[in-house]
N, C-alpha and C. Protein backbone atom coordinates (compact mmCIF):
# COMPACT_ATOMS: atom_id res chain seq x y z
N MET A 1 0.88 -1.19 -0.04
CA MET A 1 -0.07 -0.01 0.01
C MET A 1 0.92 1.22 -0.07
N SER A 2 0.65 2.18 -0.87
CA SER A 2 1.44 3.35 -0.94
C SER A 2 0.55 4.52 -0.69
N PHE A 3 1.12 5.56 0.10
CA PHE A 3 0.32 6.79 0.43
C PHE A 3 1.11 7.91 -0.21
N SER A 4 0.28 8.91 -0.57
CA SER A 4 0.87 10.16 -1.15
C SER A 4 0.62 11.28 -0.07
N PHE A 5 1.70 12.01 0.24
CA PHE A 5 1.62 13.02 1.23
C PHE A 5 1.86 14.39 0.60
N ASN A 6 1.17 15.41 1.15
CA ASN A 6 1.42 16.72 0.61
C ASN A 6 2.75 17.18 1.07
N GLN A 7 3.30 18.09 0.18
CA GLN A 7 4.67 18.71 0.52
C GLN A 7 4.47 20.18 0.73
N GLY A 8 5.42 20.77 1.55
CA GLY A 8 5.41 22.19 1.78
C GLY A 8 6.61 22.59 2.43
N ILE A 9 6.59 23.77 2.89
CA ILE A 9 7.74 24.48 3.58
C ILE A 9 7.06 24.88 4.98
N LEU A 10 7.77 24.27 6.06
CA LEU A 10 7.40 24.71 7.46
C LEU A 10 8.27 25.88 7.88
N VAL A 11 7.63 27.05 8.06
CA VAL A 11 8.41 28.07 8.63
C VAL A 11 8.07 28.34 10.08
N THR A 12 9.05 28.40 10.82
CA THR A 12 9.01 28.57 12.26
C THR A 12 9.63 29.96 12.62
N ILE A 13 8.80 30.69 13.43
CA ILE A 13 9.26 32.03 13.83
C ILE A 13 9.25 32.12 15.35
N ILE A 14 10.38 32.47 16.11
CA ILE A 14 10.30 32.65 17.48
C ILE A 14 10.67 34.09 17.67
N CYS A 15 9.74 34.75 18.39
CA CYS A 15 9.81 36.24 18.35
C CYS A 15 9.07 36.80 19.67
N GLU A 16 9.29 38.07 19.93
CA GLU A 16 8.59 38.70 20.93
C GLU A 16 7.02 38.77 20.74
N THR A 17 6.39 38.49 21.85
CA THR A 17 4.88 38.49 21.79
C THR A 17 4.28 39.77 21.16
N VAL A 18 4.94 40.89 21.25
CA VAL A 18 4.49 42.15 20.80
C VAL A 18 4.25 42.04 19.30
N LEU A 19 4.98 41.24 18.63
CA LEU A 19 4.81 41.22 17.15
C LEU A 19 3.66 40.27 16.63
N GLN A 20 2.93 39.66 17.51
CA GLN A 20 1.96 38.65 17.08
C GLN A 20 0.92 39.14 16.10
N GLU A 21 0.29 40.34 16.40
CA GLU A 21 -0.85 40.81 15.44
C GLU A 21 -0.10 41.11 14.08
N ARG A 22 1.09 41.79 14.06
CA ARG A 22 1.73 42.09 12.80
C ARG A 22 2.02 40.84 12.01
N LEU A 23 2.53 39.69 12.72
CA LEU A 23 2.84 38.51 12.07
C LEU A 23 1.54 37.77 11.50
N VAL A 24 0.51 37.92 12.18
CA VAL A 24 -0.81 37.36 11.80
C VAL A 24 -1.22 38.11 10.55
N GLN A 25 -1.12 39.42 10.52
CA GLN A 25 -1.57 40.17 9.34
C GLN A 25 -0.75 39.89 8.21
N LEU A 26 0.74 39.71 8.37
CA LEU A 26 1.65 39.37 7.35
C LEU A 26 1.27 37.96 6.62
N LEU A 27 1.03 37.00 7.54
CA LEU A 27 0.69 35.77 7.12
C LEU A 27 -0.66 35.67 6.21
N LYS A 28 -1.61 36.51 6.57
CA LYS A 28 -2.89 36.72 5.89
C LYS A 28 -2.56 37.31 4.47
N THR A 29 -1.79 38.32 4.57
CA THR A 29 -1.38 39.14 3.26
C THR A 29 -0.71 38.16 2.36
N LEU A 30 0.17 37.42 2.82
CA LEU A 30 0.93 36.49 1.99
C LEU A 30 0.14 35.23 1.42
N GLY A 31 -1.05 35.01 2.07
CA GLY A 31 -1.87 33.89 1.73
C GLY A 31 -1.78 32.59 2.32
N ALA A 32 -1.08 32.66 3.49
CA ALA A 32 -0.88 31.45 4.28
C ALA A 32 -2.35 30.98 4.73
N SER A 33 -2.67 29.67 4.63
CA SER A 33 -3.89 29.11 4.84
C SER A 33 -4.09 28.94 6.39
N GLY A 34 -3.13 28.94 7.17
CA GLY A 34 -3.28 28.77 8.55
C GLY A 34 -1.91 28.87 9.39
N TYR A 35 -1.95 29.00 10.62
CA TYR A 35 -0.72 29.07 11.40
C TYR A 35 -1.10 28.58 12.87
N THR A 36 -0.03 28.33 13.66
CA THR A 36 -0.18 27.97 14.96
C THR A 36 0.77 28.85 15.90
N ILE A 37 0.39 29.31 16.97
CA ILE A 37 1.08 30.12 17.81
C ILE A 37 0.96 29.57 19.21
N ILE A 38 2.14 29.47 19.83
CA ILE A 38 2.22 28.90 21.21
C ILE A 38 3.20 29.68 21.97
N PRO A 39 2.99 29.93 23.24
CA PRO A 39 4.00 30.69 24.15
C PRO A 39 5.33 29.97 24.10
N ALA A 40 6.40 30.67 24.21
CA ALA A 40 7.77 30.20 24.25
C ALA A 40 8.63 30.87 25.21
N GLY A 41 9.51 30.08 25.86
CA GLY A 41 10.43 30.61 26.81
C GLY A 41 11.79 29.97 26.51
N GLY A 42 12.76 30.67 26.97
CA GLY A 42 14.20 30.10 26.64
C GLY A 42 15.16 31.18 26.76
N MET A 43 16.39 30.94 26.22
CA MET A 43 17.46 31.82 26.23
C MET A 43 18.20 31.78 24.94
N GLY A 44 18.62 32.97 24.47
CA GLY A 44 19.41 33.03 23.23
C GLY A 44 20.41 34.34 23.20
N SER A 45 20.64 34.81 22.05
CA SER A 45 21.45 35.99 21.91
C SER A 45 20.87 37.20 22.56
N GLN A 46 19.58 37.30 22.67
CA GLN A 46 18.87 38.44 23.29
C GLN A 46 18.75 38.29 24.84
N GLY A 47 19.27 37.23 25.34
CA GLY A 47 19.14 36.97 26.80
C GLY A 47 18.05 36.15 27.16
N LYS A 48 17.74 35.86 28.37
CA LYS A 48 16.76 34.95 28.93
C LYS A 48 15.38 35.64 28.60
N ARG A 49 14.44 34.86 28.21
CA ARG A 49 13.08 35.23 27.81
C ARG A 49 12.13 34.34 28.54
N MET A 50 11.72 34.58 29.66
CA MET A 50 10.86 33.60 30.57
C MET A 50 9.42 33.91 30.58
N GLY A 51 9.02 35.12 30.10
CA GLY A 51 7.62 35.49 30.14
C GLY A 51 7.11 35.58 31.59
N ASP A 52 7.78 36.21 32.46
CA ASP A 52 7.55 36.32 33.77
C ASP A 52 6.38 37.27 34.21
N VAL A 53 6.07 38.23 33.24
CA VAL A 53 5.12 39.16 33.41
C VAL A 53 4.15 39.21 32.16
N ALA A 54 2.99 39.06 32.20
CA ALA A 54 2.14 38.96 31.03
C ALA A 54 2.40 40.09 30.13
N GLY A 55 2.65 39.79 28.88
CA GLY A 55 2.96 40.69 27.92
C GLY A 55 4.38 41.38 27.87
N TYR A 56 5.09 41.05 28.92
CA TYR A 56 6.43 41.71 29.01
C TYR A 56 7.54 40.63 29.06
N ASN A 57 8.59 40.70 28.29
CA ASN A 57 9.66 39.77 28.28
C ASN A 57 9.17 38.41 27.83
N THR A 58 8.06 38.27 26.90
CA THR A 58 7.60 37.10 26.53
C THR A 58 7.83 36.80 25.08
N ASN A 59 7.89 35.54 24.70
CA ASN A 59 8.02 35.14 23.26
C ASN A 59 6.95 34.21 22.87
N ILE A 60 6.73 34.16 21.68
CA ILE A 60 5.75 33.24 20.87
C ILE A 60 6.55 32.42 19.94
N GLU A 61 5.99 31.17 19.58
CA GLU A 61 6.54 30.55 18.44
C GLU A 61 5.38 30.39 17.45
N VAL A 62 5.68 30.75 16.25
CA VAL A 62 4.67 30.74 15.16
C VAL A 62 5.10 29.77 14.18
N LYS A 63 4.12 28.88 13.77
CA LYS A 63 4.46 27.93 12.77
C LYS A 63 3.35 27.94 11.67
N THR A 64 3.83 27.86 10.42
CA THR A 64 2.95 27.82 9.20
C THR A 64 3.63 26.98 8.12
N ILE A 65 2.77 26.29 7.39
CA ILE A 65 3.22 25.52 6.24
C ILE A 65 2.81 26.26 5.02
N VAL A 66 3.72 26.56 4.10
CA VAL A 66 3.39 27.44 3.02
C VAL A 66 4.19 26.80 1.79
N THR A 67 3.98 27.45 0.54
CA THR A 67 4.76 27.05 -0.62
C THR A 67 6.18 27.61 -0.52
N PRO A 68 7.04 27.09 -1.33
CA PRO A 68 8.39 27.71 -1.27
C PRO A 68 8.43 29.17 -1.61
N GLU A 69 7.67 29.63 -2.40
CA GLU A 69 7.54 31.04 -2.88
C GLU A 69 7.05 31.91 -1.78
N VAL A 70 6.05 31.48 -0.98
CA VAL A 70 5.61 32.24 0.08
C VAL A 70 6.59 32.16 1.18
N SER A 71 7.35 31.08 1.45
CA SER A 71 8.40 31.12 2.47
C SER A 71 9.54 32.09 2.19
N ASP A 72 9.83 32.33 0.89
CA ASP A 72 10.80 33.24 0.49
C ASP A 72 10.30 34.73 0.87
N GLN A 73 9.03 34.97 0.50
CA GLN A 73 8.46 36.29 0.72
C GLN A 73 8.41 36.58 2.27
N LEU A 74 8.07 35.51 3.11
CA LEU A 74 7.83 35.64 4.52
C LEU A 74 9.10 36.00 5.16
N LEU A 75 10.18 35.09 4.81
CA LEU A 75 11.49 35.36 5.40
C LEU A 75 12.02 36.71 5.02
N GLU A 76 11.86 37.23 3.86
CA GLU A 76 12.29 38.53 3.45
C GLU A 76 11.50 39.59 4.20
N GLN A 77 10.24 39.46 4.45
CA GLN A 77 9.43 40.58 5.24
C GLN A 77 9.81 40.52 6.75
N LEU A 78 10.22 39.38 7.18
CA LEU A 78 10.54 39.21 8.66
C LEU A 78 11.95 40.17 9.03
N LYS A 79 12.64 40.43 7.93
CA LYS A 79 13.86 41.20 8.14
C LYS A 79 13.65 42.57 8.83
N GLN A 80 12.34 43.12 8.41
CA GLN A 80 12.04 44.38 8.93
C GLN A 80 11.85 44.48 10.48
N PHE A 81 11.63 43.28 11.02
CA PHE A 81 11.46 43.28 12.49
C PHE A 81 12.81 43.06 13.33
N GLN A 82 13.78 42.55 12.59
CA GLN A 82 14.95 42.16 13.33
C GLN A 82 15.65 43.38 14.08
N GLY A 83 15.67 44.50 13.51
CA GLY A 83 16.44 45.64 14.14
C GLY A 83 15.90 46.08 15.55
N ASN A 84 14.63 45.97 15.76
CA ASN A 84 14.09 46.42 16.99
C ASN A 84 13.48 45.35 17.87
N HIS A 85 13.49 44.06 17.37
CA HIS A 85 12.83 42.95 18.24
C HIS A 85 13.67 41.74 18.14
N ALA A 86 13.64 40.87 19.18
CA ALA A 86 14.23 39.58 19.14
C ALA A 86 13.42 38.64 18.28
N LEU A 87 14.01 38.19 17.32
CA LEU A 87 13.35 37.24 16.27
C LEU A 87 14.28 36.36 15.66
N ILE A 88 13.99 35.01 15.65
CA ILE A 88 14.73 34.17 14.68
C ILE A 88 13.65 33.48 13.79
N ALA A 89 14.03 33.05 12.67
CA ALA A 89 13.15 32.32 11.81
C ALA A 89 13.87 31.25 11.00
N PHE A 90 13.33 30.17 10.70
CA PHE A 90 13.96 29.13 9.92
C PHE A 90 12.88 28.34 9.21
N ARG A 91 13.29 27.56 8.10
CA ARG A 91 12.25 26.78 7.35
C ARG A 91 12.90 25.39 7.08
N GLN A 92 11.91 24.50 6.89
CA GLN A 92 12.28 23.07 6.69
C GLN A 92 11.26 22.46 5.55
N ASN A 93 11.79 21.64 4.77
CA ASN A 93 10.81 20.92 3.94
C ASN A 93 10.21 19.96 4.80
N VAL A 94 8.81 19.76 4.47
CA VAL A 94 8.00 18.81 5.20
C VAL A 94 7.10 18.13 4.32
N GLU A 95 6.57 16.89 4.67
CA GLU A 95 5.54 16.21 3.90
C GLU A 95 4.64 15.62 5.07
N GLY A 96 3.41 15.70 4.76
CA GLY A 96 2.47 15.06 5.65
C GLY A 96 0.93 15.30 5.28
N LEU A 97 0.11 15.28 6.23
CA LEU A 97 -1.24 15.48 5.99
C LEU A 97 -1.71 16.90 6.41
N PHE A 98 -1.72 17.71 5.29
CA PHE A 98 -2.10 19.11 5.47
C PHE A 98 -2.62 19.61 4.05
N ASP A 99 -3.31 20.76 4.18
CA ASP A 99 -3.78 21.38 2.87
C ASP A 99 -2.80 22.34 2.25
């Protein structure tokens, strides 16, 4: 038995919570069909981000599966936020059960 899976690009963004609404709008503008947002804590080049006070010093992780073209556009657009906000983003080829 052989199964055929959809293929796409998983883009993961870890950034300050304050960017959430702007990222959601950007994803909609680029035509992403969906996304997942979860709270995130940890430590990196911007220091420790534990989310100890609601809305302050907090991070989110945003995940979306898009086409290669949309992933290029998304990563390019994310550059505008890097100067003023803690943000990392990366992408991976994925296959699975998704639209």
